[in-house]
Amino acid sequence: MSPVDLTTVLAGITLRNPVLTCSGTYGFGEEYAAYCPLEALGGITLKGITPLPRLGNSVPRLAETPAGLLNAVGLENPGLVEFLRSYLPKVRKMPTAVIANISGFSLEDYVQMARALQVDSGLAALEVNISCPNVKHGGMHFGTDPQSAEEVIAAVKAATDLPIIAKLSPNVTDIVGMARAVERGGADALSLINTLLGMRIDIEQQRPLLANTFGGLSGPAIRPVAVRMVWQVAAAVNLPIIGMGGITTWQDAVEFLLAGATAISIGTGNFVNPQAPLEILQGIKAYCEKHGRTSVRDLVGLAHKA
C-alpha cells in the first residue's frame, strides 16, 4: 500500500498534516517546543492578541470540572505593538504554519489588527475571535449576532491579504446561521467550536469559584457538542472547517474529520499531554492505513456519505 498522504489544504494554505493547536493553549509556540517539535505539526495558532496590552481577569480564573476546564483568563496578552516588536520576529522562524488569533471590542479594533498583519508578516492566516463583546453596541457579542459577525469578517477581509479564519462561538441558538453569515462576509475558513459558557460555585465560600463568575468550558465534556456543530456546518457551507473542542486522542480527531472538518486543533488536551498532537497524528495515519485510505483528505465528511 502507498504511504498515507497527510498534506492538507486549508483556505489555500498547504499544511504538512491536518493537526493544529488551539489559540490560548499553545502560547506563542516557544513554550511547547521542548515537548513537541513544531516541524511535526500542520500548524499552530498563537495566543490571542488585542490592540492594547491586557492583564486579563482577576484570579482565580481557572477551575477544573469533570472532563473539562473552565477558564476566564480574559485575553491576557502583550498587545499588538509588543507582539510585532518582540514575538513576530521569532514567529517568522518557526518551522510550521503559524496562525495569529486577533480579538477586539469594536470594528475598528479588528481593522487595526488586520492592517498590521499582512502576507509579508510571515503568518499563514488570521483567526478572528468574534466571541468578544462589542462595547459600542451595548456589549452584544460579535459572535452571537449574524449581522455583526458578517460585518467584522468583511472589514477584516478588506484590511488584510492574509486568509481569514472565523472562530465561531457555540453560545448561539443557530450555529449554521452564524456560519453562513461569516461566509457571506468573506471568511476563507471556520474554526469551531470556541468554549461553552459555564460556571462553578465554591460550596464552602458559598460564592462563584471564578472571580469573573463565568468562564469558558473546554475539554472532553464539550466534544459531542462540537462534533454536532461541525457536522451541521459542514453540510451547510462551502468553507473548510478546523474542528476543535475536547480532542485528546486520535479517535476524537477522526470523529471530527468524518463529521466534515478539514483539519483538527488540540486545545485543553495540550495541558494534560504536551505530546498529544504527535500521538494523534500517528493515530490518524494508522487509521487511514487500516481503512485503506491513501490520503487523509479522503476522510473529510465521509460520515455524511454513509
Foldseek 3Di string as FASTA:
>chain_A
DAAAQQWFAALNDIFSHQEEADAPFQALPPVLCVPAPQLVGSEYEHHEAWQAADQFDDPPAWDDDVQWIFGRRHSHDHHDVCCLVPPLVVSLPRNHAYEYEYEYQALVRLLVNLLVDEPVSNHQAYEYEQQFFNVVPPRHTCQADLQSVLVSLLSSVVRYPHAYEYEHEPPYPDLQSNLVSVVNSPHQAYEDHWFDKDWDADVVVRGTNGPVRIGGIAAQVCLVVQLVSLLVNQVRDDHAYAGEGHDQALVSQLSNQLSAHSHYHHGPNCVVPVCSSVRNRVVLSVVCVVVVHNYSNVNGNNNVVD
